[in-house]
């Protein structure tokens, strides 16, 4: 289908995928999926209500015994077929992801879709490594061992910035471990999540293992988190909403996985390769139009390099090409919506009272005026405790501040509530190693910013949440641990009884 895919035809039966079939929501409220590059509606649908969530959870619960009872090899084979189907449909996925998000097609084609296929292949292999610990006699004549088992129905909520990849990060480790899942994607970007579930069905993953409910957070989302038959909740989104999710999950004592906000520091020491740091800062700050919780947002530059860094970043930002997401020459697409653009612009406008906007700080006019575009923006001269330094902006805005000593640079890097990702730039091995030790973040890159791989975990410290996506660490989070103990002799059992209760 490629660029000829007809979204309205593909999802004519609705935006809920329950028990292996598309169906319409039952909330009585409709929602539009809007192309943020043009403002045009590409799809309209009825949102899920609580009844749809109940139906999806019931379908997942019904599918659980069969899927969890399948052998690891059987689950692995199904997931390898799943990866193959995704690869065959890569062009369709890239097109729809760019259509609903406004991200440049080269980002969807070269990053989002290949990353999702690779992640699927990784967890297809991981499915065959669900193992406990070896048996041993730790207590006399008793033999103990540990089993890792699937936990049941997982309820997950994914954000709008990487709809396809976030759906994959939630779904794949859960189902590889033998669980079934109900995923609620963001209502503004549900299309590739629905396609992902359909591809799983095409690959032979049984109906009900993967279900999608597309509804508003206040009803569908909260009902999913609080549902008594959901045993684990995984959420990616803002720290504020994450606190609400935790509050609801606590009421039913659910296992909880939270990947929350970020405010990643980009620390440049005075021995760094300046050109590499400048290029890394622009790429790291503008990835996905800055709508990335690991994006470089706070650049701390040791004073000898500070002026040259500011000049270099500003000059490079001015060469970034905004335009049609489906033009291969486009570097930067729009923000997800006009509301998000206005939010980003508000941070910058308020910062003008206490800082300098070196470049950007405005929406383009002309042929891009109808879209939610905002120019790459560099802000300098802000105080460490200012709003633009401390708060997550989620847009193409980089703030740069100087520092004098190594201690000061690391202290400033840690001086926000967040701890998702960071980077340190230095030619000195010992200095870089110190930074990786002392910066409190779930990922610290050295002389790079942004790359992720399926084999390594992604997750935060502090207010950025807890739990890991990707990697074997993620896989294990979707299992529960059981201790099994055998009494090897009848005599031992009698002795234990006598020890506790005495002679009778």
Protein backbone atom coordinates (compact mmCIF):
# COMPACT_ATOMS: atom_id res chain seq x y z
CA UNK A 1 0.00 0.00 0.00
CA UNK A 2 2.81 2.45 0.88
CA UNK A 3 1.79 6.03 0.39
CA UNK A 4 -1.44 4.84 -1.15
CA UNK A 5 -2.80 3.44 2.11
CA UNK A 6 -6.33 4.63 2.74
CA UNK A 7 -6.62 5.14 6.47
CA UNK A 8 -10.39 5.59 6.50
CA UNK A 9 -10.87 2.33 4.61
CA UNK A 10 -8.32 0.43 6.68
CA UNK A 11 -10.08 1.34 9.94
CA UNK A 12 -13.66 1.61 8.69
CA UNK A 13 -14.83 -0.77 11.45
CA UNK A 14 -13.45 1.41 14.24
CA UNK A 15 -10.36 2.12 16.31
CA UNK A 16 -10.74 -0.62 18.93
CA UNK A 17 -8.99 -3.96 18.40
CA UNK A 18 -10.50 -6.53 20.74
CA UNK A 19 -10.24 -10.29 20.45
CA UNK A 20 -8.60 -10.08 17.03
CA UNK A 21 -11.19 -7.79 15.42
CA UNK A 22 -11.66 -4.08 14.79
CA UNK A 23 -14.78 -2.59 16.30
CA UNK A 24 -16.21 0.81 17.08
CA UNK A 25 -16.04 2.40 20.51
CA UNK A 26 -19.11 2.79 22.69
CA UNK A 27 -18.43 6.05 24.52
CA UNK A 28 -20.70 8.13 22.29
CA UNK A 29 -17.85 10.62 21.76
CA UNK A 30 -15.91 11.04 18.55
CA UNK A 31 -12.31 12.05 17.99
CA UNK A 32 -10.32 13.21 14.97
CA UNK A 33 -6.80 12.16 14.04
CA UNK A 34 -5.24 15.29 12.55
CA UNK A 35 -2.15 15.60 10.37
CA UNK A 36 -0.17 18.24 12.33
CA UNK A 37 1.70 19.34 9.21
CA UNK A 38 -1.47 20.50 7.47
CA UNK A 39 -4.23 20.61 10.09
CA UNK A 40 -6.29 18.20 7.98
CA UNK A 41 -8.35 15.41 9.53
CA UNK A 42 -7.18 12.02 8.30
CA UNK A 43 -9.49 9.79 10.35
CA UNK A 44 -12.48 10.12 12.70
CA UNK A 45 -13.64 7.47 15.14
CA UNK A 46 -15.67 6.82 18.27
CA UNK A 47 -13.62 6.72 21.47
CA UNK A 48 -13.56 3.69 23.73
CA UNK A 49 -15.66 3.74 26.87
CA UNK A 50 -15.45 1.64 29.99
CA UNK A 51 -17.48 -1.14 28.35
CA UNK A 52 -14.82 -1.45 25.65
CA UNK A 53 -12.09 -1.69 28.27
CA UNK A 54 -14.05 -4.41 30.05
CA UNK A 55 -14.44 -6.32 26.77
CA UNK A 56 -10.74 -6.01 25.97
CA UNK A 57 -9.70 -7.19 29.44
CA UNK A 58 -12.12 -10.12 29.17
CA UNK A 59 -10.63 -11.08 25.80
CA UNK A 60 -7.11 -10.88 27.24
CA UNK A 61 -8.11 -12.91 30.28
CA UNK A 62 -9.68 -15.60 28.09
CA UNK A 63 -6.55 -15.81 25.91
CA UNK A 64 -4.13 -15.96 28.85
CA UNK A 65 -4.24 -19.70 29.71
CA UNK A 66 -3.53 -20.78 26.14
CA UNK A 67 -0.80 -18.22 25.47
CA UNK A 68 0.96 -18.61 28.83
CA UNK A 69 0.70 -22.38 28.45
CA UNK A 70 2.39 -22.36 25.06
CA UNK A 71 6.01 -23.45 25.07
CA UNK A 72 8.66 -20.75 24.83
CA UNK A 73 9.54 -22.12 21.39
CA UNK A 74 5.96 -21.72 20.21
CA UNK A 75 5.77 -18.12 21.43
CA UNK A 76 9.16 -17.42 19.90
CA UNK A 77 8.18 -18.81 16.51
CA UNK A 78 5.00 -16.72 16.46
CA UNK A 79 6.95 -13.59 17.32
CA UNK A 80 9.56 -14.26 14.64
CA UNK A 81 6.68 -14.45 12.13
CA UNK A 82 5.41 -11.20 13.63
CA UNK A 83 8.76 -9.50 12.95
CA UNK A 84 8.63 -10.74 9.35
CA UNK A 85 5.14 -9.31 8.83
CA UNK A 86 6.24 -5.96 10.24
CA UNK A 87 9.23 -5.90 7.91
CA UNK A 88 7.00 -6.66 4.91
CA UNK A 89 4.71 -3.78 5.84
CA UNK A 90 7.49 -1.34 6.75
CA UNK A 91 6.52 1.26 4.13
CA UNK A 92 2.91 1.32 5.33
CA UNK A 93 3.95 1.73 8.95
CA UNK A 94 6.39 4.54 8.11
CA UNK A 95 3.81 6.40 6.05
CA UNK A 96 1.05 6.21 8.67
CA UNK A 97 3.41 7.08 11.52
CA UNK A 98 4.50 10.24 9.70
CA UNK A 99 0.92 11.04 8.71
CA UNK A 100 -0.46 10.99 12.26
CA UNK A 101 2.62 12.46 14.01
CA UNK A 102 4.03 14.85 11.43
CA UNK A 103 7.51 13.40 11.84
CA UNK A 104 9.82 13.41 8.82
CA UNK A 105 9.44 10.29 6.72
CA UNK A 106 13.17 9.66 6.89
CA UNK A 107 12.89 9.42 10.70
CA UNK A 108 10.01 6.96 10.45
CA UNK A 109 11.77 4.97 7.73
CA UNK A 110 15.27 4.90 9.20
CA UNK A 111 14.58 4.91 12.95
CA UNK A 112 11.04 4.16 14.15
CA UNK A 113 10.07 1.23 11.93
CA UNK A 114 13.45 -0.57 11.77
CA UNK A 115 13.78 -0.15 15.53
CA UNK A 116 10.38 -1.76 16.04
CA UNK A 117 11.20 -4.70 13.78
CA UNK A 118 14.50 -5.21 15.59
CA UNK A 119 12.79 -5.01 18.98
CA UNK A 120 10.29 -7.66 17.85
CA UNK A 121 13.11 -9.95 16.75
CA UNK A 122 14.91 -9.41 20.05
CA UNK A 123 11.91 -10.39 22.15
CA UNK A 124 11.17 -13.32 19.86
CA UNK A 125 14.56 -14.63 20.95
CA UNK A 126 14.03 -13.61 24.57
CA UNK A 127 10.86 -15.73 24.71
CA UNK A 128 13.10 -18.82 24.78
CA UNK A 129 15.05 -17.59 27.80
CA UNK A 130 12.35 -17.45 30.44
CA UNK A 131 14.22 -19.29 33.12
CA UNK A 132 14.43 -19.57 36.87
CA UNK A 133 17.41 -20.64 38.96
CA UNK A 134 18.98 -24.03 39.36
CA UNK A 135 17.82 -26.48 41.98
CA UNK A 136 19.79 -26.99 45.18
CA UNK A 137 19.40 -28.24 48.76
CA UNK A 138 19.51 -25.12 50.90
CA UNK A 139 17.73 -26.66 53.90
CA UNK A 140 18.69 -30.19 54.77
CA UNK A 141 16.74 -32.68 52.68
CA UNK A 142 14.64 -30.05 50.91
CA UNK A 143 15.24 -29.15 47.28
CA UNK A 144 14.44 -25.59 46.16
CA UNK A 145 14.27 -23.90 42.82
CA UNK A 146 12.84 -20.68 41.38
CA UNK A 147 10.29 -20.45 38.56
CA UNK A 148 9.61 -17.37 36.48
CA UNK A 149 6.00 -17.27 35.37
CA UNK A 150 3.74 -14.98 33.36
CA UNK A 151 1.71 -12.69 35.59
CA UNK A 152 -1.60 -12.38 33.68
CA UNK A 153 -3.34 -9.47 31.97
CA UNK A 154 -1.19 -6.34 31.58
CA UNK A 155 -2.76 -2.91 31.06
CA UNK A 156 -0.46 -0.44 29.31
CA UNK A 157 -0.75 3.21 28.32
CA UNK A 158 1.48 4.63 25.59
CA UNK A 159 2.20 8.27 24.60
CA UNK A 160 1.84 10.10 21.29
CA UNK A 161 5.47 10.99 20.50
CA UNK A 162 6.56 7.52 19.29
CA UNK A 163 3.26 5.65 18.90
CA UNK A 164 4.63 2.62 17.08
CA UNK A 165 7.78 2.17 19.12
CA UNK A 166 6.02 2.76 22.42
CA UNK A 167 3.36 0.19 21.51
CA UNK A 168 6.16 -2.26 20.76
CA UNK A 169 8.04 -1.49 23.99
CA UNK A 170 4.87 -2.17 26.00
CA UNK A 171 3.55 -5.18 24.13
CA UNK A 172 6.60 -7.22 23.17
CA UNK A 173 8.20 -8.10 26.53
CA UNK A 174 4.79 -8.75 28.04
CA UNK A 175 3.66 -11.23 25.40
CA UNK A 176 7.11 -12.82 25.03
CA UNK A 177 6.89 -13.76 28.71
CA UNK A 178 3.46 -15.34 28.18
CA UNK A 179 1.20 -12.51 29.30
CA UNK A 180 -1.73 -11.00 27.43
CA UNK A 181 -2.19 -7.25 27.13
CA UNK A 182 -4.59 -4.37 26.68
CA UNK A 183 -2.86 -1.26 25.34
CA UNK A 184 -4.36 2.21 25.36
CA UNK A 185 -2.53 4.40 22.83
CA UNK A 186 -2.86 8.17 22.83
CA UNK A 187 -6.18 9.03 21.22
CA UNK A 188 -4.50 11.49 18.84
CA UNK A 189 -2.12 8.86 17.38
CA UNK A 190 -3.74 5.39 17.50
CA UNK A 191 -3.28 4.21 13.94
CA UNK A 192 0.08 2.42 13.98
CA UNK A 193 -0.76 0.75 17.31
CA UNK A 194 -3.84 -0.73 15.64
CA UNK A 195 -1.75 -1.80 12.65
CA UNK A 196 0.75 -3.40 15.03
CA UNK A 197 -1.97 -5.51 16.63
CA UNK A 198 -3.35 -6.49 13.22
CA UNK A 199 0.12 -7.57 12.11
CA UNK A 200 0.39 -9.78 15.19
CA UNK A 201 -2.86 -11.50 14.22
CA UNK A 202 -1.60 -11.98 10.66
CA UNK A 203 1.51 -13.62 12.11
CA UNK A 204 -0.60 -16.16 14.00
CA UNK A 205 -0.51 -14.71 17.50
CA UNK A 206 -3.87 -15.83 18.94
CA UNK A 207 -6.87 -13.53 19.20
CA UNK A 208 -7.07 -11.76 22.53
CA UNK A 209 -3.34 -11.81 23.27
CA UNK A 210 -2.96 -8.20 22.05
CA UNK A 211 -5.89 -5.80 22.40
CA UNK A 212 -6.07 -2.06 21.71
CA UNK A 213 -8.57 0.35 23.28
CA UNK A 214 -8.43 3.90 22.00
CA UNK A 215 -10.05 6.23 24.45
CA UNK A 216 -9.51 9.24 26.67
CA UNK A 217 -7.29 8.96 29.70
CA UNK A 218 -9.91 10.07 32.20
CA UNK A 219 -12.29 7.24 31.35
CA UNK A 220 -10.67 4.47 29.31
CA UNK A 221 -7.20 4.97 30.78
CA UNK A 222 -8.18 5.24 34.42
CA UNK A 223 -10.64 2.36 34.10
CA UNK A 224 -7.91 0.18 32.60
CA UNK A 225 -5.45 1.01 35.38
CA UNK A 226 -8.03 0.33 38.08
CA UNK A 227 -9.52 -2.80 36.51
CA UNK A 228 -9.47 -5.69 39.02
CA UNK A 229 -8.48 -8.24 36.36
CA UNK A 230 -5.42 -6.24 35.28
CA UNK A 231 -2.44 -7.35 37.35
CA UNK A 232 0.21 -4.93 36.07
CA UNK A 233 0.18 -1.41 34.69
CA UNK A 234 2.89 0.01 32.44
CA UNK A 235 2.70 3.72 31.68
CA UNK A 236 4.83 6.12 29.65
CA UNK A 237 4.05 9.81 29.85
CA UNK A 238 4.42 12.88 32.02
CA UNK A 239 5.44 12.71 35.66
CA UNK A 240 2.20 14.44 36.70
CA UNK A 241 0.01 11.83 35.01
CA UNK A 242 2.31 9.08 36.23
CA UNK A 243 1.55 10.09 39.81
CA UNK A 244 -2.16 9.71 39.10
CA UNK A 245 -1.59 6.29 37.51
CA UNK A 246 0.38 5.20 40.58
CA UNK A 247 -2.40 6.40 42.86
CA UNK A 248 -5.02 4.33 41.02
CA UNK A 249 -2.79 1.27 40.69
CA UNK A 250 -2.05 1.29 44.41
CA UNK A 251 -5.73 0.82 45.21
CA UNK A 252 -5.63 -2.68 43.69
CA UNK A 253 -1.98 -3.42 44.59
CA UNK A 254 -0.88 -3.72 40.98
CA UNK A 255 2.66 -4.12 39.83
CA UNK A 256 3.70 -0.80 38.30
CA UNK A 257 6.13 0.28 35.60
CA UNK A 258 6.55 4.02 34.97
CA UNK A 259 8.66 5.76 32.32
CA UNK A 260 8.06 9.44 32.96
CA UNK A 261 9.43 12.86 32.08
CA UNK A 262 12.97 13.89 31.33
CA UNK A 263 15.17 16.96 31.17
CA UNK A 264 18.37 15.50 29.81
CA UNK A 265 21.63 17.38 30.50
CA UNK A 266 24.27 17.61 27.79
CA UNK A 267 27.57 18.25 29.59
CA UNK A 268 30.50 19.54 27.50
CA UNK A 269 33.90 19.64 29.22
CA UNK A 270 36.65 21.91 27.99
CA UNK A 271 38.64 19.08 26.35
CA UNK A 272 35.70 17.91 24.22
CA UNK A 273 35.70 17.81 20.43
CA UNK A 274 33.80 21.05 19.86
CA UNK A 275 32.53 20.23 16.37
CA UNK A 276 31.25 16.83 17.50
CA UNK A 277 29.56 18.39 20.53
CA UNK A 278 27.86 21.07 18.44
CA UNK A 279 26.53 18.50 15.98
CA UNK A 280 25.50 16.19 18.80
CA UNK A 281 23.65 18.97 20.60
CA UNK A 282 21.60 19.96 17.56
CA UNK A 283 20.75 16.38 16.67
CA UNK A 284 20.03 15.47 20.30
CA UNK A 285 17.85 18.52 20.92
CA UNK A 286 15.84 18.34 17.70
CA UNK A 287 15.19 14.60 17.39
CA UNK A 288 11.46 14.14 16.72
CA UNK A 289 11.07 17.94 16.92
CA UNK A 290 12.29 17.75 20.52
CA UNK A 291 9.31 15.60 21.50
CA UNK A 292 11.49 12.97 23.10
CA UNK A 293 11.93 12.49 26.83
CA UNK A 294 15.62 11.72 26.31
CA UNK A 295 16.24 14.74 24.04
CA UNK A 296 19.12 17.05 24.96
CA UNK A 297 17.43 20.00 26.65
CA UNK A 298 20.05 21.53 28.97
CA UNK A 299 23.56 22.06 27.58
CA UNK A 300 26.18 22.81 30.24
CA UNK A 301 29.41 23.94 28.61
CA UNK A 302 32.71 24.55 30.41
CA UNK A 303 33.55 28.21 30.05
CA UNK A 304 36.55 27.99 27.64
CA UNK A 305 34.27 26.43 24.99
CA UNK A 306 31.05 28.22 25.88
CA UNK A 307 31.04 31.11 23.38
CA UNK A 308 32.15 28.96 20.46
CA UNK A 309 29.56 26.33 21.35
CA UNK A 310 26.72 28.88 21.42
CA UNK A 311 27.81 30.31 18.08
CA UNK A 312 28.21 26.87 16.51
CA UNK A 313 24.83 25.55 17.69
CA UNK A 314 23.01 28.71 16.60
CA UNK A 315 24.58 28.60 13.15
CA UNK A 316 23.79 24.91 12.69
CA UNK A 317 20.20 25.32 13.91
CA UNK A 318 19.65 27.99 11.28
CA UNK A 319 20.46 25.44 8.54
CA UNK A 320 17.83 22.94 9.71
CA UNK A 321 15.14 22.50 7.06
CA UNK A 322 11.49 22.63 8.14
CA UNK A 323 8.99 21.33 5.64
CA UNK A 324 6.62 18.65 4.39
CA UNK A 325 7.24 15.48 6.44
CA UNK A 326 7.04 13.40 3.25
CA UNK A 327 9.85 15.34 1.57
CA UNK A 328 13.13 13.49 2.05
CA UNK A 329 14.90 16.85 2.37
CA UNK A 330 12.93 17.80 5.49
CA UNK A 331 14.90 17.71 8.73
CA UNK A 332 12.26 18.92 11.17
CA UNK A 333 8.53 18.34 11.12
CA UNK A 334 5.78 20.06 13.10
CA UNK A 335 4.95 19.55 16.74
CA UNK A 336 2.11 17.13 17.40
CA UNK A 337 -0.56 19.87 17.57
CA UNK A 338 -1.10 23.59 17.64
CA UNK A 339 -1.78 23.31 21.35
CA UNK A 340 1.64 21.75 21.90
CA UNK A 341 3.28 24.41 19.73
CA UNK A 342 1.61 27.13 21.79
CA UNK A 343 2.80 25.46 24.98
CA UNK A 344 6.40 25.39 23.71
CA UNK A 345 6.16 28.99 22.50
CA UNK A 346 4.89 30.02 25.93
CA UNK A 347 8.05 28.74 27.61
CA UNK A 348 10.20 30.70 25.18
CA UNK A 349 8.18 33.90 25.41
CA UNK A 350 8.30 33.85 29.22
CA UNK A 351 12.05 33.23 29.09
CA UNK A 352 12.62 36.46 27.14
CA UNK A 353 12.17 38.32 30.43
CA UNK A 354 15.24 36.69 31.98
CA UNK A 355 17.29 35.13 29.15
CA UNK A 356 18.36 35.64 25.53
CA UNK A 357 16.79 33.83 22.60
CA UNK A 358 19.86 33.40 20.41
CA UNK A 359 18.02 31.91 17.43
CA UNK A 360 14.53 30.66 16.61
CA UNK A 361 11.76 31.42 19.05
CA UNK A 362 8.99 31.70 16.48
CA UNK A 363 6.63 29.79 14.22
CA UNK A 364 7.38 30.01 10.49
CA UNK A 365 4.95 31.65 8.13
CA UNK A 366 4.27 31.10 4.47
CA UNK A 367 3.37 27.61 3.28
CA UNK A 368 4.07 26.14 6.74
CA UNK A 369 1.73 28.48 8.59
CA UNK A 370 -1.15 25.99 8.66
CA UNK A 371 0.93 23.36 10.44
CA UNK A 372 2.15 23.20 14.04
CA UNK A 373 5.71 24.17 13.16
CA UNK A 374 8.21 25.93 15.43
CA UNK A 375 11.73 26.94 14.55
CA UNK A 376 14.74 25.33 16.29
CA UNK A 377 15.44 27.53 19.29
CA UNK A 378 18.54 28.21 21.38
CA UNK A 379 18.22 30.08 24.68
CA UNK A 380 21.20 31.39 26.64
CA UNK A 381 21.67 33.33 29.87
CA UNK A 382 18.92 31.64 31.91
CA UNK A 383 19.44 30.94 35.60
CA UNK A 384 19.66 27.34 36.79
CA UNK A 385 16.46 27.68 38.82
CA UNK A 386 14.44 29.25 36.00
CA UNK A 387 11.38 27.60 34.46
CA UNK A 388 12.99 26.97 31.09
CA UNK A 389 15.88 25.08 32.73
CA UNK A 390 13.83 23.08 35.24
CA UNK A 391 10.62 22.18 33.37
CA UNK A 392 10.11 19.69 30.56
CA UNK A 393 9.28 21.66 27.40
CA UNK A 394 8.93 18.83 24.86
CA UNK A 395 9.80 20.89 21.83
CA UNK A 396 12.78 21.98 19.68
CA UNK A 397 14.33 24.15 22.41
CA UNK A 398 17.84 23.89 23.84
CA UNK A 399 19.00 25.96 26.82
CA UNK A 400 22.73 26.51 27.24
CA UNK A 401 24.52 27.51 30.47
CA UNK A 402 28.24 27.86 31.31
CA UNK A 403 30.11 26.17 34.16
CA UNK A 404 33.63 26.52 35.52
CA UNK A 405 34.70 23.36 37.31
CA UNK A 406 34.11 19.67 36.74
CA UNK A 407 32.32 19.42 40.07
CA UNK A 408 30.01 22.28 39.11
CA UNK A 409 29.13 20.72 35.74
CA UNK A 410 28.09 17.44 37.34
CA UNK A 411 26.21 19.19 40.12
CA UNK A 412 24.20 21.26 37.63
CA UNK A 413 23.49 18.19 35.50
CA UNK A 414 21.88 16.53 38.54
CA UNK A 415 19.99 19.64 39.62
CA UNK A 416 16.48 18.84 38.36
CA UNK A 417 13.88 16.34 39.59
CA UNK A 418 14.44 14.19 36.50
CA UNK A 419 16.92 11.44 35.73
CA UNK A 420 16.08 9.68 32.49
CA UNK A 421 19.10 10.33 30.26
CA UNK A 422 22.22 12.47 29.96
CA UNK A 423 25.42 12.78 27.96
CA UNK A 424 29.00 13.77 28.76
CA UNK A 425 31.44 15.07 26.16
CA UNK A 426 35.16 14.70 26.85
CA UNK A 427 38.36 13.19 25.40
CA UNK A 428 39.52 12.35 28.93
CA UNK A 429 38.63 8.76 29.84
CA UNK A 430 38.78 9.41 33.59
CA UNK A 431 36.62 12.51 33.40
CA UNK A 432 34.05 10.76 31.22
CA UNK A 433 34.02 7.77 33.55
CA UNK A 434 33.43 10.03 36.54
CA UNK A 435 30.51 11.66 34.74
CA UNK A 436 28.90 8.29 33.97
CA UNK A 437 29.22 7.35 37.66
CA UNK A 438 27.99 10.57 39.20
CA UNK A 439 25.28 11.80 36.85
CA UNK A 440 22.01 10.36 38.17
CA UNK A 441 20.25 9.10 35.06
CA UNK A 442 19.15 5.77 33.66
CA UNK A 443 21.33 6.21 30.57
CA UNK A 444 24.50 8.28 30.21
CA UNK A 445 26.03 8.52 26.75
CA UNK A 446 29.66 9.54 26.24
CA UNK A 447 30.39 11.67 23.16
CA UNK A 448 26.97 10.89 21.74
CA UNK A 449 23.31 11.51 22.57
CA UNK A 450 20.12 9.56 21.65
CA UNK A 451 21.09 6.08 20.29
CA UNK A 452 19.24 3.14 21.83
CA UNK A 453 19.49 -0.60 21.20
CA UNK A 454 17.17 -3.49 21.93
CA UNK A 455 19.71 -5.32 24.08
CA UNK A 456 20.12 -2.47 26.58
CA UNK A 457 17.58 -1.10 29.10
CA UNK A 458 15.79 2.23 28.93
CA UNK A 459 14.36 3.77 32.09
CA UNK A 460 14.91 6.47 34.64
CA UNK A 461 15.96 7.60 38.10
CA UNK A 462 14.14 10.01 40.43
CA UNK A 463 10.98 11.63 39.01
CA UNK A 464 11.62 9.96 35.64
CA UNK A 465 10.07 6.80 37.04
CA UNK A 466 11.15 3.21 37.56
CA UNK A 467 11.26 0.01 35.56
CA UNK A 468 12.97 -0.69 32.25
CA UNK A 469 11.87 -0.91 28.63
CA UNK A 470 13.73 -3.10 26.13
CA UNK A 471 16.44 -5.63 27.11
CA UNK A 472 16.21 -8.70 29.30
CA UNK A 473 15.55 -6.42 32.29
CA UNK A 474 12.25 -5.43 30.71
CA UNK A 475 11.42 -9.05 29.93
CA UNK A 476 11.90 -10.07 33.56
CA UNK A 477 9.66 -7.26 34.81
CA UNK A 478 6.71 -8.94 33.11
CA UNK A 479 7.23 -12.14 35.11
CA UNK A 480 6.66 -13.15 38.69
CA UNK A 481 9.03 -15.26 40.76
CA UNK A 482 7.88 -18.42 42.52
CA UNK A 483 9.88 -20.46 45.02
CA UNK A 484 9.20 -24.19 44.77
CA UNK A 485 10.41 -26.49 47.59
CA UNK A 486 10.33 -30.28 47.78
CA UNK A 487 10.58 -32.31 50.96
CA UNK A 488 12.71 -35.26 49.89
CA UNK A 489 12.03 -37.60 52.84
CA UNK A 490 9.02 -38.53 54.95
CA UNK A 491 11.30 -38.54 58.02
CA UNK A 492 12.22 -34.93 57.48
CA UNK A 493 8.53 -34.01 57.37
CA UNK A 494 7.88 -35.77 60.71
CA UNK A 495 10.88 -34.07 62.30
CA UNK A 496 9.68 -30.66 61.12
CA UNK A 497 6.22 -31.35 62.57
CA UNK A 498 7.77 -32.37 65.91
CA UNK A 499 9.98 -29.25 65.96
CA UNK A 500 6.99 -26.95 65.57
CA UNK A 501 4.36 -28.71 67.64
CA UNK A 502 6.33 -31.01 69.92
CA UNK A 503 5.59 -34.69 70.58
CA UNK A 504 1.96 -35.80 70.45
